Amino acid sequence: MNRPVLALATTIALASAVHIAQRRQQHRQSLELAVHQAHGRMLEVATTHPDLDPIWVRNHPDHVKDNESGPLLMCQWWLEFWRTGLNLRVFTPAILRQNARNFMQDPTALKAWALTRHGRALQSRGRWDRLHVALLDAAFEEAGGPSQYPELELAPASAL
């Protein structure tokens, strides 16, 4: 085979491989977005009718009162929104860092992260999930979360 034909064949093979990789990434992102949208719909129902899904009260009976379930679910919704946005590269780490700092100024948000941070760390699926946890953990620590919830520092509770 002469060099120009070999170079052309190599270029075509490389372009095909890149195209396949891009399509795979786009497919994964569309699946993640679909799951996030479904989760959003579930959270919408749960925040509207917290009595239908008292997951926070059930999973954390020592830390959550009945009337806190709705606000904690709303915090969960924000956390998932940012996690998905970071995974899909809609948010940059700098944007999430600022959002996390603002988020942790709210006592309910601080409590939501205290209750779920260890579980989220254990369930991180990749680099972007780990970055999400790290950025929120940094904001949590900066806001004094560990000193406000020392009993939750010992063992993972859940990721809800």
C-alpha atoms as a PDB file:
ATOM      1  CA  MET A   1       0.000   0.000   0.000  1.00  0.00           C
ATOM      2  CA  ASN A   2       1.425   3.395  -0.852  1.00  0.00           C
ATOM      3  CA  ARG A   3       1.826   6.134   1.763  1.00  0.00           C
ATOM      4  CA  PRO A   4      -1.029   8.463   0.686  1.00  0.00           C
ATOM      5  CA  VAL A   5      -3.568   5.635   0.788  1.00  0.00           C
ATOM      6  CA  LEU A   6      -2.274   4.471   4.185  1.00  0.00           C
ATOM      7  CA  ALA A   7      -2.428   8.031   5.536  1.00  0.00           C
ATOM      8  CA  LEU A   8      -5.985   8.426   4.239  1.00  0.00           C
ATOM      9  CA  ALA A   9      -7.062   5.094   5.764  1.00  0.00           C
ATOM     10  CA  THR A  10      -5.495   6.058   9.104  1.00  0.00           C
ATOM     11  CA  THR A  11      -7.216   9.447   9.046  1.00  0.00           C
ATOM     12  CA  ILE A  12     -10.588   7.866   8.281  1.00  0.00           C
ATOM     13  CA  ALA A  13     -10.146   5.292  11.057  1.00  0.00           C
ATOM     14  CA  LEU A  14      -9.157   7.985  13.540  1.00  0.00           C
ATOM     15  CA  ALA A  15     -12.085  10.215  12.557  1.00  0.00           C
ATOM     16  CA  SER A  16     -14.450   7.255  12.922  1.00  0.00           C
ATOM     17  CA  ALA A  17     -13.103   6.459  16.383  1.00  0.00           C
ATOM     18  CA  VAL A  18     -13.495  10.080  17.486  1.00  0.00           C
ATOM     19  CA  HIS A  19     -17.029  10.176  16.090  1.00  0.00           C
ATOM     20  CA  ILE A  20     -17.991   6.981  17.930  1.00  0.00           C
ATOM     21  CA  ALA A  21     -16.529   8.313  21.187  1.00  0.00           C
ATOM     22  CA  GLN A  22     -18.447  11.580  20.807  1.00  0.00           C
ATOM     23  CA  ARG A  23     -21.704   9.761  20.081  1.00  0.00           C
ATOM     24  CA  ARG A  24     -21.189   7.545  23.129  1.00  0.00           C
ATOM     25  CA  GLN A  25     -20.593  10.615  25.312  1.00  0.00           C
ATOM     26  CA  GLN A  26     -23.685  12.359  23.929  1.00  0.00           C
ATOM     27  CA  HIS A  27     -25.776   9.250  24.554  1.00  0.00           C
ATOM     28  CA  ARG A  28     -24.531   8.991  28.138  1.00  0.00           C
ATOM     29  CA  GLN A  29     -25.306  12.654  28.715  1.00  0.00           C
ATOM     30  CA  SER A  30     -28.822  12.321  27.302  1.00  0.00           C
ATOM     31  CA  LEU A  31     -29.463   9.325  29.569  1.00  0.00           C
ATOM     32  CA  GLU A  32     -28.164  11.201  32.595  1.00  0.00           C
ATOM     33  CA  LEU A  33     -30.349  14.165  31.728  1.00  0.00           C
ATOM     34  CA  ALA A  34     -33.415  11.908  31.406  1.00  0.00           C
ATOM     35  CA  VAL A  35     -32.719  10.364  34.822  1.00  0.00           C
ATOM     36  CA  HIS A  36     -32.217  13.818  36.321  1.00  0.00           C
ATOM     37  CA  GLN A  37     -35.532  15.003  34.848  1.00  0.00           C
ATOM     38  CA  ALA A  38     -37.344  11.976  36.268  1.00  0.00           C
ATOM     39  CA  HIS A  39     -35.732  12.574  39.651  1.00  0.00           C
ATOM     40  CA  GLY A  40     -36.795  16.213  39.439  1.00  0.00           C
ATOM     41  CA  ARG A  41     -40.397  15.198  38.852  1.00  0.00           C
ATOM     42  CA  MET A  42     -40.265  12.894  41.881  1.00  0.00           C
ATOM     43  CA  LEU A  43     -38.800  15.652  44.031  1.00  0.00           C
ATOM     44  CA  GLU A  44     -41.443  18.066  42.779  1.00  0.00           C
ATOM     45  CA  VAL A  45     -44.185  15.777  44.035  1.00  0.00           C
ATOM     46  CA  ALA A  46     -42.320  15.136  47.273  1.00  0.00           C
ATOM     47  CA  THR A  47     -41.791  18.831  48.006  1.00  0.00           C
ATOM     48  CA  THR A  48     -45.401  19.629  47.169  1.00  0.00           C
ATOM     49  CA  HIS A  49     -46.692  16.747  49.302  1.00  0.00           C
ATOM     50  CA  PRO A  50     -43.958  15.881  51.844  1.00  0.00           C
ATOM     51  CA  ASP A  51     -46.413  13.640  53.686  1.00  0.00           C
ATOM     52  CA  LEU A  52     -46.351  11.236  50.709  1.00  0.00           C
ATOM     53  CA  ASP A  53     -42.638  10.578  51.043  1.00  0.00           C
ATOM     54  CA  PRO A  54     -41.303  11.156  54.551  1.00  0.00           C
ATOM     55  CA  ILE A  55     -37.896   9.770  53.535  1.00  0.00           C
ATOM     56  CA  TRP A  56     -35.922  12.274  55.596  1.00  0.00           C
ATOM     57  CA  VAL A  57     -37.897  11.585  58.763  1.00  0.00           C
ATOM     58  CA  ARG A  58     -37.740   7.832  58.162  1.00  0.00           C
ATOM     59  CA  ASN A  59     -33.999   7.739  57.391  1.00  0.00           C
ATOM     60  CA  HIS A  60     -32.930  10.270  60.023  1.00  0.00           C
ATOM     61  CA  PRO A  61     -35.428  10.055  62.902  1.00  0.00           C
ATOM     62  CA  ASP A  62     -32.935  11.499  65.397  1.00  0.00           C
ATOM     63  CA  HIS A  63     -32.159  14.552  63.270  1.00  0.00           C
ATOM     64  CA  VAL A  64     -35.240  15.478  61.217  1.00  0.00           C
ATOM     65  CA  LYS A  65     -38.607  16.735  62.399  1.00  0.00           C
ATOM     66  CA  ASP A  66     -41.801  16.072  60.420  1.00  0.00           C
ATOM     67  CA  ASN A  67     -42.047  19.633  59.127  1.00  0.00           C
ATOM     68  CA  GLU A  68     -38.471  19.593  57.776  1.00  0.00           C
ATOM     69  CA  SER A  69     -39.002  16.945  55.114  1.00  0.00           C
ATOM     70  CA  GLY A  70     -40.230  19.341  52.407  1.00  0.00           C
ATOM     71  CA  PRO A  71     -37.441  21.923  52.833  1.00  0.00           C
ATOM     72  CA  LEU A  72     -34.798  19.179  52.997  1.00  0.00           C
ATOM     73  CA  LEU A  73     -36.143  17.655  49.784  1.00  0.00           C
ATOM     74  CA  MET A  74     -35.887  21.059  48.132  1.00  0.00           C
ATOM     75  CA  CYS A  75     -32.242  21.202  49.189  1.00  0.00           C
ATOM     76  CA  GLN A  76     -31.785  17.729  47.726  1.00  0.00           C
ATOM     77  CA  TRP A  77     -33.241  18.989  44.476  1.00  0.00           C
ATOM     78  CA  TRP A  78     -30.653  21.778  44.326  1.00  0.00           C
ATOM     79  CA  LEU A  79     -27.822  19.368  45.104  1.00  0.00           C
ATOM     80  CA  GLU A  80     -28.890  17.035  42.313  1.00  0.00           C
ATOM     81  CA  PHE A  81     -29.354  19.940  39.894  1.00  0.00           C
ATOM     82  CA  TRP A  82     -25.792  21.094  40.514  1.00  0.00           C
ATOM     83  CA  ARG A  83     -24.366  17.566  40.383  1.00  0.00           C
ATOM     84  CA  THR A  84     -25.997  16.902  37.031  1.00  0.00           C
ATOM     85  CA  GLY A  85     -25.021  20.327  35.710  1.00  0.00           C
ATOM     86  CA  LEU A  86     -21.398  19.723  36.654  1.00  0.00           C
ATOM     87  CA  ASN A  87     -21.460  16.235  35.102  1.00  0.00           C
ATOM     88  CA  LEU A  88     -22.906  17.622  31.866  1.00  0.00           C
ATOM     89  CA  ARG A  89     -20.411  20.536  31.959  1.00  0.00           C
ATOM     90  CA  VAL A  90     -23.230  23.104  32.134  1.00  0.00           C
ATOM     91  CA  PHE A  91     -21.690  24.457  35.340  1.00  0.00           C
ATOM     92  CA  THR A  92     -18.019  25.140  35.853  1.00  0.00           C
ATOM     93  CA  PRO A  93     -16.333  24.323  39.155  1.00  0.00           C
ATOM     94  CA  ALA A  94     -16.097  28.081  39.843  1.00  0.00           C
ATOM     95  CA  ILE A  95     -19.859  28.517  39.429  1.00  0.00           C
ATOM     96  CA  LEU A  96     -20.596  25.532  41.662  1.00  0.00           C
ATOM     97  CA  ARG A  97     -18.104  26.763  44.267  1.00  0.00           C
ATOM     98  CA  GLN A  98     -19.960  30.090  44.512  1.00  0.00           C
ATOM     99  CA  ASN A  99     -23.376  28.400  44.537  1.00  0.00           C
ATOM    100  CA  ALA A 100     -22.202  26.038  47.282  1.00  0.00           C
ATOM    101  CA  ARG A 101     -20.991  28.929  49.450  1.00  0.00           C
ATOM    102  CA  ASN A 102     -24.340  30.681  49.078  1.00  0.00           C
ATOM    103  CA  PHE A 103     -26.242  27.430  49.659  1.00  0.00           C
ATOM    104  CA  MET A 104     -24.410  26.656  52.901  1.00  0.00           C
ATOM    105  CA  GLN A 105     -25.506  29.985  54.382  1.00  0.00           C
ATOM    106  CA  ASP A 106     -28.975  28.467  54.843  1.00  0.00           C
ATOM    107  CA  PRO A 107     -29.345  26.339  58.017  1.00  0.00           C
ATOM    108  CA  THR A 108     -31.590  23.795  56.267  1.00  0.00           C
ATOM    109  CA  ALA A 109     -29.113  23.420  53.417  1.00  0.00           C
ATOM    110  CA  LEU A 110     -26.285  22.939  55.897  1.00  0.00           C
ATOM    111  CA  LYS A 111     -28.319  20.218  57.604  1.00  0.00           C
ATOM    112  CA  ALA A 112     -29.192  18.538  54.287  1.00  0.00           C
ATOM    113  CA  TRP A 113     -25.520  18.332  53.347  1.00  0.00           C
ATOM    114  CA  ALA A 114     -24.535  17.126  56.832  1.00  0.00           C
ATOM    115  CA  LEU A 115     -27.040  14.279  56.531  1.00  0.00           C
ATOM    116  CA  THR A 116     -26.039  13.188  53.020  1.00  0.00           C
ATOM    117  CA  ARG A 117     -22.406  14.149  52.413  1.00  0.00           C
ATOM    118  CA  HIS A 118     -20.814  10.838  53.389  1.00  0.00           C
ATOM    119  CA  GLY A 119     -23.329   8.812  51.408  1.00  0.00           C
ATOM    120  CA  ARG A 120     -22.795  11.031  48.364  1.00  0.00           C
ATOM    121  CA  ALA A 121     -19.040  10.571  48.667  1.00  0.00           C
ATOM    122  CA  LEU A 122     -19.471   6.787  48.781  1.00  0.00           C
ATOM    123  CA  GLN A 123     -21.804   6.828  45.765  1.00  0.00           C
ATOM    124  CA  SER A 124     -19.663   9.113  43.590  1.00  0.00           C
ATOM    125  CA  ARG A 125     -19.405   7.535  40.157  1.00  0.00           C
ATOM    126  CA  GLY A 126     -16.553   9.484  38.685  1.00  0.00           C
ATOM    127  CA  ARG A 127     -14.349  12.531  38.631  1.00  0.00           C
ATOM    128  CA  TRP A 128     -17.183  15.066  38.337  1.00  0.00           C
ATOM    129  CA  ASP A 129     -19.220  13.529  41.160  1.00  0.00           C
ATOM    130  CA  ARG A 130     -16.119  13.568  43.370  1.00  0.00           C
ATOM    131  CA  LEU A 131     -15.522  17.211  42.463  1.00  0.00           C
ATOM    132  CA  HIS A 132     -19.166  18.010  43.300  1.00  0.00           C
ATOM    133  CA  VAL A 133     -18.745  16.448  46.743  1.00  0.00           C
ATOM    134  CA  ALA A 134     -15.391  18.166  47.308  1.00  0.00           C
ATOM    135  CA  LEU A 135     -16.726  21.623  46.403  1.00  0.00           C
ATOM    136  CA  LEU A 136     -19.794  21.246  48.604  1.00  0.00           C
ATOM    137  CA  ASP A 137     -17.715  19.785  51.433  1.00  0.00           C
ATOM    138  CA  ALA A 138     -15.366  22.778  51.283  1.00  0.00           C
ATOM    139  CA  ALA A 139     -18.310  25.185  51.501  1.00  0.00           C
ATOM    140  CA  PHE A 140     -19.837  23.086  54.309  1.00  0.00           C
ATOM    141  CA  GLU A 141     -16.613  23.238  56.308  1.00  0.00           C
ATOM    142  CA  GLU A 142     -16.189  26.955  55.587  1.00  0.00           C
ATOM    143  CA  ALA A 143     -19.718  27.554  56.934  1.00  0.00           C
ATOM    144  CA  GLY A 144     -18.919  25.652  60.144  1.00  0.00           C
ATOM    145  CA  GLY A 145     -20.998  22.593  59.312  1.00  0.00           C
ATOM    146  CA  PRO A 146     -18.825  19.974  61.041  1.00  0.00           C
ATOM    147  CA  SER A 147     -18.968  21.855  64.345  1.00  0.00           C
ATOM    148  CA  GLN A 148     -22.752  22.242  64.070  1.00  0.00           C
ATOM    149  CA  TYR A 149     -23.304  18.554  63.295  1.00  0.00           C
ATOM    150  CA  PRO A 150     -20.414  16.702  65.001  1.00  0.00           C
ATOM    151  CA  GLU A 151     -22.534  13.574  65.541  1.00  0.00           C
ATOM    152  CA  LEU A 152     -22.889  13.194  61.763  1.00  0.00           C
ATOM    153  CA  GLU A 153     -19.132  13.242  61.193  1.00  0.00           C
ATOM    154  CA  LEU A 154     -18.656   9.721  62.491  1.00  0.00           C
ATOM    155  CA  ALA A 155     -20.588   7.563  60.059  1.00  0.00           C
ATOM    156  CA  PRO A 156     -22.321   7.854  56.710  1.00  0.00           C
ATOM    157  CA  ALA A 157     -26.067   8.274  57.019  1.00  0.00           C
ATOM    158  CA  SER A 158     -27.369   8.167  53.447  1.00  0.00           C
ATOM    159  CA  ALA A 159     -27.238   9.945  50.122  1.00  0.00           C
ATOM    160  CA  LEU A 160     -31.018   9.992  49.764  1.00  0.00           C
END
